[in-house]
Amino acid sequence: MTRPDGRAKDEMRPVKLTTGFTMYAEGSVLAEMGNTRVICTASVEEKVPPFLEGKGLGWVTAEYAMLPRSTNTRKKRDIKSLKLDGRSSEIQRLIGRALRAVVDREALGERQITIDCDVIQADGGTRCASITGGYAALYLACRKLVDEGVIEKMPLTAAVSAVSVGIFEDEAVLDLNYAEDSHAIVDCNVVMTSKGEFIEVQGTGEGRPFTRNELDQLLALGEQGCSRLCEIQKSVLGE
């Protein structure tokens, strides 16, 4: 089996995290996974949603959008006054869940950090790039709060990364690009911590059901990919 871009089945696309990509956000990162590019920003507000007021706990949430020409044909812009499309809504909930899993909300205090993930170019794996880059932006924002004496310690218990895996032409492969994702027999996203723990696994038999053995292969590839991504995060962030 030959992958469309010539990679080995367990080979990831080139990954690059560029910090300080925008001027104003407390944390910002351009996440690049192959030709997929996502701008991730972390914004700190000294308030929490009403359901958390007075509880001494912070909150981390996320918003996700694809810009109109991030894809090969123009995608309609998500407008807040209109209903967010189902896919974007599902992805931003996933990003929020993934990041909250490693946040010590008591240490964060009564403040909210919003992670905005804006896809400027899509070639598969946009949600995974958003989580991986979103964590880096969150880390930078939290480090700024510590450096400025706003909070006493880093409120993060581990790093978070995510990678896509799937069965393409009956082979388990790592980090699918769009050409593979659009024809995958099985499509799966794996979200993990730097401690080797799973946060979420999303897997679907697109072309046929899949076996336990195939699932084990996909999870092993996902672990390998997330471990590599956490190494890149650590190198870039200087943890």
C-alpha atoms as a PDB file:
ATOM      1  CA  MET A   1       0.000   0.000   0.000  1.00  0.00           C
ATOM      2  CA  THR A   2       1.342   3.412  -1.014  1.00  0.00           C
ATOM      3  CA  ARG A   3      -0.028   6.475   0.723  1.00  0.00           C
ATOM      4  CA  PRO A   4      -0.933   9.432  -1.515  1.00  0.00           C
ATOM      5  CA  ASP A   5       2.005  11.523  -0.244  1.00  0.00           C
ATOM      6  CA  GLY A   6       4.464   8.621  -0.061  1.00  0.00           C
ATOM      7  CA  ARG A   7       4.685   8.373   3.746  1.00  0.00           C
ATOM      8  CA  ALA A   8       5.128   5.139   5.645  1.00  0.00           C
ATOM      9  CA  LYS A   9       1.955   3.958   7.373  1.00  0.00           C
ATOM     10  CA  ASP A  10       3.327   4.984  10.807  1.00  0.00           C
ATOM     11  CA  GLU A  11       4.829   8.273   9.614  1.00  0.00           C
ATOM     12  CA  MET A  12       3.368  11.633  10.588  1.00  0.00           C
ATOM     13  CA  ARG A  13       3.311  14.719   8.435  1.00  0.00           C
ATOM     14  CA  PRO A  14       5.763  17.513   9.361  1.00  0.00           C
ATOM     15  CA  VAL A  15       4.579  19.285  12.526  1.00  0.00           C
ATOM     16  CA  LYS A  16       5.405  22.864  13.478  1.00  0.00           C
ATOM     17  CA  LEU A  17       4.166  25.019  16.376  1.00  0.00           C
ATOM     18  CA  THR A  18       4.935  28.730  16.091  1.00  0.00           C
ATOM     19  CA  THR A  19       4.376  30.594  19.372  1.00  0.00           C
ATOM     20  CA  GLY A  20       3.576  34.293  19.709  1.00  0.00           C
ATOM     21  CA  PHE A  21       1.835  34.242  16.349  1.00  0.00           C
ATOM     22  CA  THR A  22      -0.515  37.128  17.216  1.00  0.00           C
ATOM     23  CA  MET A  23       0.103  40.296  19.251  1.00  0.00           C
ATOM     24  CA  TYR A  24      -2.757  40.580  21.690  1.00  0.00           C
ATOM     25  CA  ALA A  25      -3.791  37.179  23.003  1.00  0.00           C
ATOM     26  CA  GLU A  26      -2.288  35.950  26.283  1.00  0.00           C
ATOM     27  CA  GLY A  27      -1.207  32.838  24.368  1.00  0.00           C
ATOM     28  CA  SER A  28      -1.069  32.275  20.621  1.00  0.00           C
ATOM     29  CA  VAL A  29       0.215  29.514  18.359  1.00  0.00           C
ATOM     30  CA  LEU A  30       0.131  28.687  14.667  1.00  0.00           C
ATOM     31  CA  ALA A  31      -0.250  24.899  14.535  1.00  0.00           C
ATOM     32  CA  GLU A  32       0.841  23.238  11.298  1.00  0.00           C
ATOM     33  CA  MET A  33       0.368  19.519  10.617  1.00  0.00           C
ATOM     34  CA  GLY A  34       1.305  18.964   7.003  1.00  0.00           C
ATOM     35  CA  ASN A  35      -0.786  21.385   4.971  1.00  0.00           C
ATOM     36  CA  THR A  36      -3.318  21.873   7.769  1.00  0.00           C
ATOM     37  CA  ARG A  37      -2.842  25.207   9.513  1.00  0.00           C
ATOM     38  CA  VAL A  38      -4.779  26.469  12.532  1.00  0.00           C
ATOM     39  CA  ILE A  39      -4.379  29.714  14.471  1.00  0.00           C
ATOM     40  CA  CYS A  40      -4.939  28.971  18.167  1.00  0.00           C
ATOM     41  CA  THR A  41      -5.310  31.815  20.663  1.00  0.00           C
ATOM     42  CA  ALA A  42      -5.942  31.795  24.412  1.00  0.00           C
ATOM     43  CA  SER A  43      -7.779  34.757  25.954  1.00  0.00           C
ATOM     44  CA  VAL A  44      -8.033  35.274  29.716  1.00  0.00           C
ATOM     45  CA  GLU A  45     -11.075  36.904  31.316  1.00  0.00           C
ATOM     46  CA  GLU A  46     -11.381  37.720  35.001  1.00  0.00           C
ATOM     47  CA  LYS A  47     -14.813  36.149  35.232  1.00  0.00           C
ATOM     48  CA  VAL A  48     -16.464  32.753  34.964  1.00  0.00           C
ATOM     49  CA  PRO A  49     -19.827  31.566  33.616  1.00  0.00           C
ATOM     50  CA  PRO A  50     -22.738  32.215  36.012  1.00  0.00           C
ATOM     51  CA  PHE A  51     -22.948  28.564  37.093  1.00  0.00           C
ATOM     52  CA  LEU A  52     -19.417  28.828  38.562  1.00  0.00           C
ATOM     53  CA  GLU A  53     -19.641  32.197  40.307  1.00  0.00           C
ATOM     54  CA  GLY A  54     -18.497  32.064  43.926  1.00  0.00           C
ATOM     55  CA  LYS A  55     -17.189  28.489  43.694  1.00  0.00           C
ATOM     56  CA  GLY A  56     -13.506  29.331  43.423  1.00  0.00           C
ATOM     57  CA  LEU A  57     -13.099  27.371  40.205  1.00  0.00           C
ATOM     58  CA  GLY A  58     -11.910  28.464  36.801  1.00  0.00           C
ATOM     59  CA  TRP A  59     -13.152  27.405  33.383  1.00  0.00           C
ATOM     60  CA  VAL A  60     -11.636  26.622  30.003  1.00  0.00           C
ATOM     61  CA  THR A  61     -13.785  26.651  26.881  1.00  0.00           C
ATOM     62  CA  ALA A  62     -13.165  26.663  23.133  1.00  0.00           C
ATOM     63  CA  GLU A  63     -14.520  27.958  19.852  1.00  0.00           C
ATOM     64  CA  TYR A  64     -13.690  26.499  16.440  1.00  0.00           C
ATOM     65  CA  ALA A  65     -14.262  27.754  12.915  1.00  0.00           C
ATOM     66  CA  MET A  66     -13.052  27.122   9.399  1.00  0.00           C
ATOM     67  CA  LEU A  67     -12.417  30.209   7.302  1.00  0.00           C
ATOM     68  CA  PRO A  68     -14.255  30.313   3.960  1.00  0.00           C
ATOM     69  CA  ARG A  69     -11.304  29.354   1.723  1.00  0.00           C
ATOM     70  CA  SER A  70      -9.582  27.022   4.147  1.00  0.00           C
ATOM     71  CA  THR A  71     -10.948  24.257   1.903  1.00  0.00           C
ATOM     72  CA  ASN A  72     -10.762  23.567  -1.832  1.00  0.00           C
ATOM     73  CA  THR A  73     -14.199  25.118  -2.331  1.00  0.00           C
ATOM     74  CA  ARG A  74     -15.554  28.063  -0.354  1.00  0.00           C
ATOM     75  CA  LYS A  75     -17.170  27.102   2.953  1.00  0.00           C
ATOM     76  CA  LYS A  76     -19.927  29.356   4.279  1.00  0.00           C
ATOM     77  CA  ARG A  77     -18.746  31.490   7.167  1.00  0.00           C
ATOM     78  CA  ASP A  78     -20.095  30.590  10.618  1.00  0.00           C
ATOM     79  CA  ILE A  79     -21.963  33.640  11.897  1.00  0.00           C
ATOM     80  CA  LYS A  80     -22.782  33.793  15.595  1.00  0.00           C
ATOM     81  CA  SER A  81     -26.207  35.270  14.943  1.00  0.00           C
ATOM     82  CA  LEU A  82     -26.990  32.117  12.987  1.00  0.00           C
ATOM     83  CA  LYS A  83     -26.872  28.535  14.184  1.00  0.00           C
ATOM     84  CA  LEU A  84     -23.322  27.140  14.293  1.00  0.00           C
ATOM     85  CA  ASP A  85     -23.058  24.153  11.983  1.00  0.00           C
ATOM     86  CA  GLY A  86     -23.191  20.786  13.731  1.00  0.00           C
ATOM     87  CA  ARG A  87     -19.636  19.793  12.885  1.00  0.00           C
ATOM     88  CA  SER A  88     -18.096  23.007  14.250  1.00  0.00           C
ATOM     89  CA  SER A  89     -20.212  22.773  17.391  1.00  0.00           C
ATOM     90  CA  GLU A  90     -19.148  19.178  18.021  1.00  0.00           C
ATOM     91  CA  ILE A  91     -15.465  19.960  17.454  1.00  0.00           C
ATOM     92  CA  GLN A  92     -15.356  22.955  19.773  1.00  0.00           C
ATOM     93  CA  ARG A  93     -16.976  20.912  22.540  1.00  0.00           C
ATOM     94  CA  LEU A  94     -14.309  18.251  21.988  1.00  0.00           C
ATOM     95  CA  ILE A  95     -11.507  20.827  22.233  1.00  0.00           C
ATOM     96  CA  GLY A  96     -12.951  22.241  25.454  1.00  0.00           C
ATOM     97  CA  ARG A  97     -13.338  18.778  27.031  1.00  0.00           C
ATOM     98  CA  ALA A  98      -9.825  17.775  26.022  1.00  0.00           C
ATOM     99  CA  LEU A  99      -8.187  20.829  27.557  1.00  0.00           C
ATOM    100  CA  ARG A 100     -10.276  20.911  30.735  1.00  0.00           C
ATOM    101  CA  ALA A 101      -9.132  17.345  31.432  1.00  0.00           C
ATOM    102  CA  VAL A 102      -5.668  18.651  32.396  1.00  0.00           C
ATOM    103  CA  VAL A 103      -6.650  21.894  34.158  1.00  0.00           C
ATOM    104  CA  ASP A 104      -6.508  22.283  37.940  1.00  0.00           C
ATOM    105  CA  ARG A 105      -9.504  24.599  38.015  1.00  0.00           C
ATOM    106  CA  GLU A 106      -8.974  25.546  41.663  1.00  0.00           C
ATOM    107  CA  ALA A 107      -5.413  26.683  40.913  1.00  0.00           C
ATOM    108  CA  LEU A 108      -6.713  28.703  37.947  1.00  0.00           C
ATOM    109  CA  GLY A 109      -9.094  30.617  40.211  1.00  0.00           C
ATOM    110  CA  GLU A 110     -12.299  32.317  39.146  1.00  0.00           C
ATOM    111  CA  ARG A 111     -11.273  33.228  35.625  1.00  0.00           C
ATOM    112  CA  GLN A 112     -12.055  31.855  32.193  1.00  0.00           C
ATOM    113  CA  ILE A 113      -9.647  31.051  29.377  1.00  0.00           C
ATOM    114  CA  THR A 114     -11.185  30.793  25.911  1.00  0.00           C
ATOM    115  CA  ILE A 115      -9.285  28.924  23.229  1.00  0.00           C
ATOM    116  CA  ASP A 116     -10.148  30.109  19.719  1.00  0.00           C
ATOM    117  CA  CYS A 117      -9.158  27.735  16.925  1.00  0.00           C
ATOM    118  CA  ASP A 118      -9.441  29.213  13.444  1.00  0.00           C
ATOM    119  CA  VAL A 119      -8.590  26.941  10.534  1.00  0.00           C
ATOM    120  CA  ILE A 120      -6.905  28.925   7.771  1.00  0.00           C
ATOM    121  CA  GLN A 121      -6.050  25.868   5.652  1.00  0.00           C
ATOM    122  CA  ALA A 122      -7.535  22.382   5.934  1.00  0.00           C
ATOM    123  CA  ASP A 123      -5.954  19.162   4.711  1.00  0.00           C
ATOM    124  CA  GLY A 124      -7.290  16.667   7.246  1.00  0.00           C
ATOM    125  CA  GLY A 125      -6.929  16.491  11.027  1.00  0.00           C
ATOM    126  CA  THR A 126      -8.116  20.020  11.823  1.00  0.00           C
ATOM    127  CA  ARG A 127      -9.601  19.045  15.197  1.00  0.00           C
ATOM    128  CA  CYS A 128      -6.389  17.270  16.165  1.00  0.00           C
ATOM    129  CA  ALA A 129      -4.251  20.258  15.158  1.00  0.00           C
ATOM    130  CA  SER A 130      -6.643  22.502  17.122  1.00  0.00           C
ATOM    131  CA  ILE A 131      -6.259  20.441  20.295  1.00  0.00           C
ATOM    132  CA  THR A 132      -2.487  20.159  19.961  1.00  0.00           C
ATOM    133  CA  GLY A 133      -2.027  23.855  19.208  1.00  0.00           C
ATOM    134  CA  GLY A 134      -4.784  24.850  21.623  1.00  0.00           C
ATOM    135  CA  TYR A 135      -2.929  23.216  24.503  1.00  0.00           C
ATOM    136  CA  ALA A 136       0.237  25.140  23.597  1.00  0.00           C
ATOM    137  CA  ALA A 137      -1.710  28.422  23.556  1.00  0.00           C
ATOM    138  CA  LEU A 138      -3.318  27.519  26.901  1.00  0.00           C
ATOM    139  CA  TYR A 139       0.095  26.752  28.397  1.00  0.00           C
ATOM    140  CA  LEU A 140       1.455  30.129  27.291  1.00  0.00           C
ATOM    141  CA  ALA A 141      -1.530  31.971  28.770  1.00  0.00           C
ATOM    142  CA  CYS A 142      -1.170  30.122  32.086  1.00  0.00           C
ATOM    143  CA  ARG A 143       2.560  30.789  32.213  1.00  0.00           C
ATOM    144  CA  LYS A 144       1.851  34.492  31.683  1.00  0.00           C
ATOM    145  CA  LEU A 145      -0.560  34.442  34.640  1.00  0.00           C
ATOM    146  CA  VAL A 146       2.132  32.835  36.823  1.00  0.00           C
ATOM    147  CA  ASP A 147       4.872  35.211  35.635  1.00  0.00           C
ATOM    148  CA  GLU A 148       2.684  38.220  36.402  1.00  0.00           C
ATOM    149  CA  GLY A 149       1.818  36.898  39.880  1.00  0.00           C
ATOM    150  CA  VAL A 150      -1.878  36.545  39.113  1.00  0.00           C
ATOM    151  CA  ILE A 151      -1.849  32.863  40.128  1.00  0.00           C
ATOM    152  CA  GLU A 152       0.667  31.008  42.292  1.00  0.00           C
ATOM    153  CA  LYS A 153       1.376  27.913  40.202  1.00  0.00           C
ATOM    154  CA  MET A 154       0.794  26.439  36.778  1.00  0.00           C
ATOM    155  CA  PRO A 155      -2.758  25.031  36.756  1.00  0.00           C
ATOM    156  CA  LEU A 156      -1.933  22.318  34.207  1.00  0.00           C
ATOM    157  CA  THR A 157      -1.425  18.701  35.248  1.00  0.00           C
ATOM    158  CA  ALA A 158      -0.180  17.345  31.891  1.00  0.00           C
ATOM    159  CA  ALA A 159       0.109  18.220  28.222  1.00  0.00           C
ATOM    160  CA  VAL A 160      -2.595  17.276  25.704  1.00  0.00           C
ATOM    161  CA  SER A 161      -2.256  16.319  22.060  1.00  0.00           C
ATOM    162  CA  ALA A 162      -4.404  14.629  19.436  1.00  0.00           C
ATOM    163  CA  VAL A 163      -3.814  12.761  16.204  1.00  0.00           C
ATOM    164  CA  SER A 164      -5.930  11.076  13.563  1.00  0.00           C
ATOM    165  CA  VAL A 165      -5.563   7.422  12.663  1.00  0.00           C
ATOM    166  CA  GLY A 166      -7.557   5.275  10.278  1.00  0.00           C
ATOM    167  CA  ILE A 167      -7.771   2.325   7.959  1.00  0.00           C
ATOM    168  CA  PHE A 168      -6.947   3.340   4.410  1.00  0.00           C
ATOM    169  CA  GLU A 169      -6.860   0.671   1.701  1.00  0.00           C
ATOM    170  CA  ASP A 170      -7.143  -1.968   4.461  1.00  0.00           C
ATOM    171  CA  GLU A 171      -4.023  -0.722   6.293  1.00  0.00           C
ATOM    172  CA  ALA A 172      -3.880   1.117   9.630  1.00  0.00           C
ATOM    173  CA  VAL A 173      -2.209   4.493   9.051  1.00  0.00           C
ATOM    174  CA  LEU A 174      -1.182   7.468  11.197  1.00  0.00           C
ATOM    175  CA  ASP A 175      -2.101  11.132  10.679  1.00  0.00           C
ATOM    176  CA  LEU A 176      -4.476  11.099   7.720  1.00  0.00           C
ATOM    177  CA  ASN A 177      -4.468  13.931   5.217  1.00  0.00           C
ATOM    178  CA  TYR A 178      -7.637  14.886   3.365  1.00  0.00           C
ATOM    179  CA  ALA A 179      -7.081  12.490   0.457  1.00  0.00           C
ATOM    180  CA  GLU A 180      -6.878   9.610   2.935  1.00  0.00           C
ATOM    181  CA  ASP A 181      -9.538  10.846   5.331  1.00  0.00           C
ATOM    182  CA  SER A 182     -12.114  11.256   2.572  1.00  0.00           C
ATOM    183  CA  HIS A 183     -11.622   7.622   1.486  1.00  0.00           C
ATOM    184  CA  ALA A 184     -10.865   5.996   4.849  1.00  0.00           C
ATOM    185  CA  ILE A 185     -12.619   2.738   5.667  1.00  0.00           C
ATOM    186  CA  VAL A 186     -12.302   3.576   9.380  1.00  0.00           C
ATOM    187  CA  ASP A 187     -11.753   7.074  10.747  1.00  0.00           C
ATOM    188  CA  CYS A 188     -10.537   7.646  14.309  1.00  0.00           C
ATOM    189  CA  ASN A 189      -9.216  10.529  16.433  1.00  0.00           C
ATOM    190  CA  VAL A 190      -7.144   9.863  19.541  1.00  0.00           C
ATOM    191  CA  VAL A 191      -6.698  12.458  22.316  1.00  0.00           C
ATOM    192  CA  MET A 192      -4.111  11.739  25.008  1.00  0.00           C
ATOM    193  CA  THR A 193      -2.137  13.320  27.830  1.00  0.00           C
ATOM    194  CA  SER A 194       1.640  13.423  28.079  1.00  0.00           C
ATOM    195  CA  LYS A 195       1.279  10.826  30.863  1.00  0.00           C
ATOM    196  CA  GLY A 196       0.032   8.303  28.314  1.00  0.00           C
ATOM    197  CA  GLU A 197      -3.611   8.532  29.413  1.00  0.00           C
ATOM    198  CA  PHE A 198      -6.528   8.618  26.981  1.00  0.00           C
ATOM    199  CA  ILE A 199      -8.909  11.568  27.150  1.00  0.00           C
ATOM    200  CA  GLU A 200     -11.108  10.680  24.209  1.00  0.00           C
ATOM    201  CA  VAL A 201     -11.213   8.212  21.341  1.00  0.00           C
ATOM    202  CA  GLN A 202     -13.578   8.880  18.437  1.00  0.00           C
ATOM    203  CA  GLY A 203     -13.803   6.010  15.981  1.00  0.00           C
ATOM    204  CA  THR A 204     -16.256   5.235  13.182  1.00  0.00           C
ATOM    205  CA  GLY A 205     -16.518   2.486  10.596  1.00  0.00           C
ATOM    206  CA  GLU A 206     -17.098   4.613   7.505  1.00  0.00           C
ATOM    207  CA  GLY A 207     -16.859   1.834   4.893  1.00  0.00           C
ATOM    208  CA  ARG A 208     -17.311  -1.280   7.017  1.00  0.00           C
ATOM    209  CA  PRO A 209     -17.228  -2.471  10.624  1.00  0.00           C
ATOM    210  CA  PHE A 210     -13.769  -2.974  12.123  1.00  0.00           C
ATOM    211  CA  THR A 211     -12.292  -5.624  14.362  1.00  0.00           C
ATOM    212  CA  ARG A 212     -10.790  -5.475  17.835  1.00  0.00           C
ATOM    213  CA  ASN A 213      -7.403  -6.240  16.295  1.00  0.00           C
ATOM    214  CA  GLU A 214      -7.758  -3.276  13.936  1.00  0.00           C
ATOM    215  CA  LEU A 215      -8.799  -1.051  16.832  1.00  0.00           C
ATOM    216  CA  ASP A 216      -5.712  -2.138  18.782  1.00  0.00           C
ATOM    217  CA  GLN A 217      -3.537  -1.230  15.792  1.00  0.00           C
ATOM    218  CA  LEU A 218      -5.173   2.197  15.553  1.00  0.00           C
ATOM    219  CA  LEU A 219      -4.749   2.890  19.264  1.00  0.00           C
ATOM    220  CA  ALA A 220      -1.083   1.879  19.120  1.00  0.00           C
ATOM    221  CA  LEU A 221      -0.527   4.289  16.224  1.00  0.00           C
ATOM    222  CA  GLY A 222      -2.448   6.983  18.101  1.00  0.00           C
ATOM    223  CA  GLU A 223      -0.247   6.534  21.179  1.00  0.00           C
ATOM    224  CA  GLN A 224       2.852   6.787  19.010  1.00  0.00           C
ATOM    225  CA  GLY A 225       1.628   9.960  17.323  1.00  0.00           C
ATOM    226  CA  CYS A 226       0.501  11.688  20.522  1.00  0.00           C
ATOM    227  CA  SER A 227       3.800  10.867  22.212  1.00  0.00           C
ATOM    228  CA  ARG A 228       5.662  12.516  19.340  1.00  0.00           C
ATOM    229  CA  LEU A 229       3.396  15.565  19.461  1.00  0.00           C
ATOM    230  CA  CYS A 230       3.959  15.967  23.208  1.00  0.00           C
ATOM    231  CA  GLU A 231       7.719  15.900  22.581  1.00  0.00           C
ATOM    232  CA  ILE A 232       7.304  18.710  20.047  1.00  0.00           C
ATOM    233  CA  GLN A 233       5.154  20.715  22.483  1.00  0.00           C
ATOM    234  CA  LYS A 234       7.750  20.266  25.226  1.00  0.00           C
ATOM    235  CA  SER A 235      10.558  21.388  22.914  1.00  0.00           C
ATOM    236  CA  VAL A 236       8.664  24.492  21.755  1.00  0.00           C
ATOM    237  CA  LEU A 237       7.280  25.507  25.154  1.00  0.00           C
ATOM    238  CA  GLY A 238      10.453  24.798  27.123  1.00  0.00           C
ATOM    239  CA  GLU A 239       8.649  22.778  29.782  1.00  0.00           C
END
